[in-house]
Amino acid sequence: MTEPILKSDKLAGLNAKKAELRASAKLWNTERHRLAKILSPQYHEVTVTRIDDVLKDAANRKGAVTGVIDETAEAARKAEELRRTLAGEPLANPSSIEEQLRVSNKQLTAVEDALEYVNGEIRSEKTALAIAYSKQRRPDHDRLMAKLCASLLETHKAWGEVYALKRHLVDEGVGLIGLCLTMPDFLGAPVDPYSDMADFFRAAKKEGFINAVPNELVLR
């Protein structure tokens, strides 16, 4: 098994944290289902009843009232929950079953938010590593592209000569009698400035892999 190209201590740490959070999410999900069954015996996982509904029912029975949440305070709360979750710290230490279920539900949401954050950090780190690796491989890339383009220029020249012979045979009424029957038509007409090969040569010139586009392929 080959070593991964995109690797760093930071990426290894992020992947380890991701695995830790995924395991934590599984545990909290199991716990909230267990508590929901205790609180509402009729609840079971295959029903459409959600755990939020179980909490809502319990709150309604107690006459709980939901207030308006300040956006700034909510943002600060989420930031603190993310910090505690990434640090592996519990959000609360509840006593009643209802409160345990509420905290379990909240804890799972916090873990899922932390997972989303870590996944974003992993994507950013992989992008940074990919950019660095691409810069490292740039000399090899440019050398190979220049080699390929030189070969294609020779191919285009030879294709143009064969194509001219084919046109000559057709135009003179000789026809293709055993000649020019196997042709690289996938290259497009060698005199067509709008062919795929012409587009490729223009792009190659722009990138500096060739000095000029073949004259017959230049857009007029």
Protein backbone atom coordinates (compact mmCIF):
# COMPACT_ATOMS: atom_id res chain seq x y z
CA MET A 1 0.00 0.00 0.00
CA THR A 2 1.47 3.33 -1.07
CA GLU A 3 1.80 6.32 1.25
CA PRO A 4 -0.86 9.00 0.74
CA ILE A 5 0.43 12.09 -1.06
CA LEU A 6 -1.74 14.53 0.83
CA LYS A 7 -0.53 14.17 4.40
CA SER A 8 0.50 16.40 7.30
CA ASP A 9 0.42 16.31 11.08
CA LYS A 10 -2.52 18.71 10.98
CA LEU A 11 -4.49 16.50 8.59
CA ALA A 12 -3.73 13.40 10.68
CA GLY A 13 -4.97 15.21 13.78
CA LEU A 14 -8.13 16.38 12.02
CA ASN A 15 -8.89 12.86 10.75
CA ALA A 16 -8.38 11.49 14.26
CA LYS A 17 -10.75 14.13 15.65
CA LYS A 18 -13.29 13.26 12.95
CA ALA A 19 -13.18 9.58 13.92
CA GLU A 20 -13.56 10.54 17.58
CA LEU A 21 -16.56 12.77 16.85
CA ARG A 22 -18.25 10.13 14.68
CA ALA A 23 -17.92 7.60 17.51
CA SER A 24 -19.28 10.20 19.94
CA ALA A 25 -22.24 10.94 17.67
CA LYS A 26 -23.09 7.24 17.54
CA LEU A 27 -22.98 6.98 21.33
CA TRP A 28 -25.12 10.09 21.90
CA ASN A 29 -27.65 8.94 19.32
CA THR A 30 -27.94 5.58 21.09
CA GLU A 31 -28.28 7.34 24.45
CA ARG A 32 -31.04 9.70 23.37
CA HIS A 33 -33.04 6.79 21.92
CA ARG A 34 -32.64 4.92 25.21
CA LEU A 35 -33.85 7.92 27.22
CA ALA A 36 -36.73 8.59 24.83
CA LYS A 37 -37.98 5.04 25.35
CA ILE A 38 -37.83 5.51 29.13
CA LEU A 39 -39.67 8.83 28.96
CA SER A 40 -42.24 7.64 26.42
CA PRO A 41 -42.63 3.84 26.40
CA GLN A 42 -44.72 4.05 23.20
CA TYR A 43 -41.72 5.54 21.38
CA HIS A 44 -39.68 3.25 19.17
CA GLU A 45 -37.16 3.94 16.42
CA VAL A 46 -39.23 2.77 13.45
CA THR A 47 -42.10 5.18 14.13
CA VAL A 48 -42.37 8.67 12.67
CA THR A 49 -42.22 10.11 16.20
CA ARG A 50 -39.11 12.26 16.67
CA ILE A 51 -37.18 12.69 19.87
CA ASP A 52 -37.87 16.42 19.64
CA ASP A 53 -41.57 15.55 19.83
CA VAL A 54 -40.97 13.51 22.97
CA LEU A 55 -39.27 16.50 24.56
CA LYS A 56 -42.04 18.80 23.39
CA ASP A 57 -44.68 16.53 24.88
CA ALA A 58 -42.81 16.45 28.18
CA ALA A 59 -42.48 20.23 28.16
CA ASN A 60 -46.16 20.70 27.37
CA ARG A 61 -47.09 18.49 30.28
CA LYS A 62 -45.10 20.80 32.53
CA GLY A 63 -46.50 23.93 30.89
CA ALA A 64 -43.09 25.06 29.63
CA VAL A 65 -42.97 28.30 27.63
CA THR A 66 -40.38 28.98 24.92
CA GLY A 67 -38.92 32.52 24.85
CA VAL A 68 -37.29 34.58 22.12
CA ILE A 69 -33.58 33.74 21.60
CA ASP A 70 -31.13 36.63 21.18
CA GLU A 71 -29.05 36.03 18.02
CA THR A 72 -25.80 37.29 19.55
CA ALA A 73 -26.25 35.14 22.63
CA GLU A 74 -27.15 32.17 20.44
CA ALA A 75 -23.98 32.61 18.35
CA ALA A 76 -21.88 32.82 21.51
CA ARG A 77 -23.60 29.72 22.90
CA LYS A 78 -22.90 27.74 19.71
CA ALA A 79 -19.26 28.85 19.70
CA GLU A 80 -18.86 27.72 23.30
CA GLU A 81 -20.59 24.41 22.55
CA LEU A 82 -18.24 23.87 19.61
CA ARG A 83 -15.20 24.61 21.78
CA ARG A 84 -16.35 22.25 24.53
CA THR A 85 -17.29 19.52 22.06
CA LEU A 86 -13.95 19.67 20.24
CA ALA A 87 -12.23 19.56 23.63
CA GLY A 88 -14.29 16.51 24.61
CA GLU A 89 -16.04 18.33 27.45
CA PRO A 90 -19.70 17.56 28.28
CA LEU A 91 -22.20 20.39 27.86
CA ALA A 92 -24.05 19.74 31.12
CA ASN A 93 -24.63 17.30 33.96
CA PRO A 94 -28.43 16.80 34.04
CA SER A 95 -30.46 14.97 36.69
CA SER A 96 -34.02 14.22 35.49
CA ILE A 97 -34.78 11.93 32.56
CA GLU A 98 -36.34 14.83 30.65
CA GLU A 99 -33.24 16.95 31.19
CA GLN A 100 -30.95 14.06 30.30
CA LEU A 101 -32.85 13.57 27.05
CA ARG A 102 -32.76 17.28 26.30
CA VAL A 103 -29.01 17.40 26.92
CA SER A 104 -28.42 14.21 24.90
CA ASN A 105 -30.29 15.72 21.98
CA LYS A 106 -28.35 18.95 22.37
CA GLN A 107 -25.07 17.08 22.73
CA LEU A 108 -25.71 15.13 19.51
CA THR A 109 -26.45 18.36 17.64
CA ALA A 110 -23.23 19.88 19.03
CA VAL A 111 -21.23 16.84 17.91
CA GLU A 112 -22.78 17.00 14.43
CA ASP A 113 -21.92 20.72 14.23
CA ALA A 114 -18.37 19.93 15.33
CA LEU A 115 -18.16 17.23 12.66
CA GLU A 116 -19.23 19.74 10.02
CA TYR A 117 -16.57 22.16 11.28
CA VAL A 118 -13.84 19.50 11.26
CA ASN A 119 -14.86 18.33 7.77
CA GLY A 120 -14.46 21.92 6.59
CA GLU A 121 -11.01 22.10 8.18
CA ILE A 122 -10.07 18.81 6.51
CA ARG A 123 -11.15 20.13 3.10
CA SER A 124 -9.14 23.33 3.65
CA GLU A 125 -6.03 21.41 4.71
CA LYS A 126 -6.31 19.02 1.76
CA THR A 127 -6.66 21.98 -0.61
CA ALA A 128 -3.56 23.62 0.88
CA LEU A 129 -1.61 20.35 0.59
CA ALA A 130 -2.83 19.82 -2.99
CA ILE A 131 -1.71 23.33 -3.98
CA ALA A 132 1.73 22.75 -2.46
CA TYR A 133 2.07 19.35 -4.18
CA SER A 134 0.96 20.77 -7.53
CA LYS A 135 3.63 23.49 -7.28
CA GLN A 136 6.18 20.77 -6.56
CA ARG A 137 5.15 18.82 -9.67
CA ARG A 138 4.94 21.87 -11.96
CA PRO A 139 8.39 21.35 -13.57
CA ASP A 140 7.59 17.70 -14.43
CA HIS A 141 4.16 18.71 -15.73
CA ASP A 142 5.54 21.45 -17.98
CA ARG A 143 8.31 19.20 -19.32
CA LEU A 144 5.85 16.43 -20.20
CA MET A 145 3.36 18.84 -21.74
CA ALA A 146 6.07 20.41 -23.90
CA LYS A 147 7.12 16.91 -25.01
CA LEU A 148 3.51 15.98 -25.80
CA CYS A 149 2.88 19.18 -27.74
CA ALA A 150 6.06 18.74 -29.80
CA SER A 151 4.89 15.24 -30.69
CA LEU A 152 1.41 16.48 -31.60
CA LEU A 153 2.86 19.19 -33.84
CA GLU A 154 4.74 16.49 -35.75
CA THR A 155 1.57 14.37 -35.84
CA HIS A 156 -0.43 17.31 -37.17
CA LYS A 157 2.15 17.93 -39.91
CA ALA A 158 2.09 14.26 -41.00
CA TRP A 159 -1.71 14.18 -40.79
CA GLY A 160 -1.85 17.24 -43.02
CA GLU A 161 0.26 15.52 -45.68
CA VAL A 162 -1.88 12.36 -45.64
CA TYR A 163 -5.05 14.48 -45.68
CA ALA A 164 -3.75 16.40 -48.71
CA LEU A 165 -3.09 13.11 -50.51
CA LYS A 166 -6.64 11.95 -49.76
CA ARG A 167 -8.12 15.20 -51.10
CA HIS A 168 -5.95 14.89 -54.22
CA LEU A 169 -7.19 11.35 -54.91
CA VAL A 170 -10.80 12.40 -54.48
CA ASP A 171 -10.53 15.66 -56.42
CA GLU A 172 -8.78 13.99 -59.36
CA GLY A 173 -11.45 11.31 -59.61
CA VAL A 174 -9.10 8.49 -58.66
CA GLY A 175 -11.03 7.69 -55.49
CA LEU A 176 -9.87 5.83 -52.46
CA ILE A 177 -8.95 2.54 -54.13
CA GLY A 178 -6.96 0.83 -51.41
CA LEU A 179 -5.48 4.13 -50.26
CA CYS A 180 -6.33 6.42 -47.35
CA LEU A 181 -8.87 3.97 -45.97
CA THR A 182 -7.51 4.04 -42.42
CA MET A 183 -7.53 7.67 -41.36
CA PRO A 184 -7.31 9.42 -37.94
CA ASP A 185 -10.52 11.35 -38.53
CA PHE A 186 -10.87 11.80 -34.77
CA LEU A 187 -8.17 14.48 -35.11
CA GLY A 188 -10.48 16.61 -37.19
CA ALA A 189 -9.55 18.18 -40.50
CA PRO A 190 -5.94 19.43 -40.22
CA VAL A 191 -6.95 22.70 -41.88
CA ASP A 192 -9.99 23.37 -39.66
CA PRO A 193 -9.22 26.27 -37.27
CA TYR A 194 -12.30 25.35 -35.23
CA SER A 195 -11.36 21.70 -34.61
CA ASP A 196 -10.60 20.27 -31.18
CA MET A 197 -6.92 20.02 -32.10
CA ALA A 198 -6.86 23.68 -33.11
CA ASP A 199 -8.43 24.60 -29.76
CA PHE A 200 -5.82 22.49 -27.99
CA PHE A 201 -2.91 24.16 -29.80
CA ARG A 202 -4.26 27.62 -28.96
CA ALA A 203 -4.53 26.65 -25.29
CA ALA A 204 -1.03 25.11 -25.39
CA LYS A 205 0.42 28.31 -26.84
CA LYS A 206 -1.30 30.35 -24.14
CA GLU A 207 0.28 28.11 -21.49
CA GLY A 208 3.70 28.41 -23.15
CA PHE A 209 4.04 24.77 -24.21
CA ILE A 210 4.44 25.70 -27.92
CA ASN A 211 5.69 28.86 -29.58
CA ALA A 212 3.01 29.14 -32.24
CA VAL A 213 -0.17 27.54 -33.54
CA PRO A 214 0.22 25.87 -36.95
CA ASN A 215 -0.50 28.50 -39.59
CA GLU A 216 -3.42 26.63 -41.15
CA LEU A 217 -5.16 26.49 -37.76
CA VAL A 218 -4.87 30.20 -36.95
CA LEU A 219 -8.21 31.98 -36.68
CA ARG A 220 -8.44 34.68 -39.33
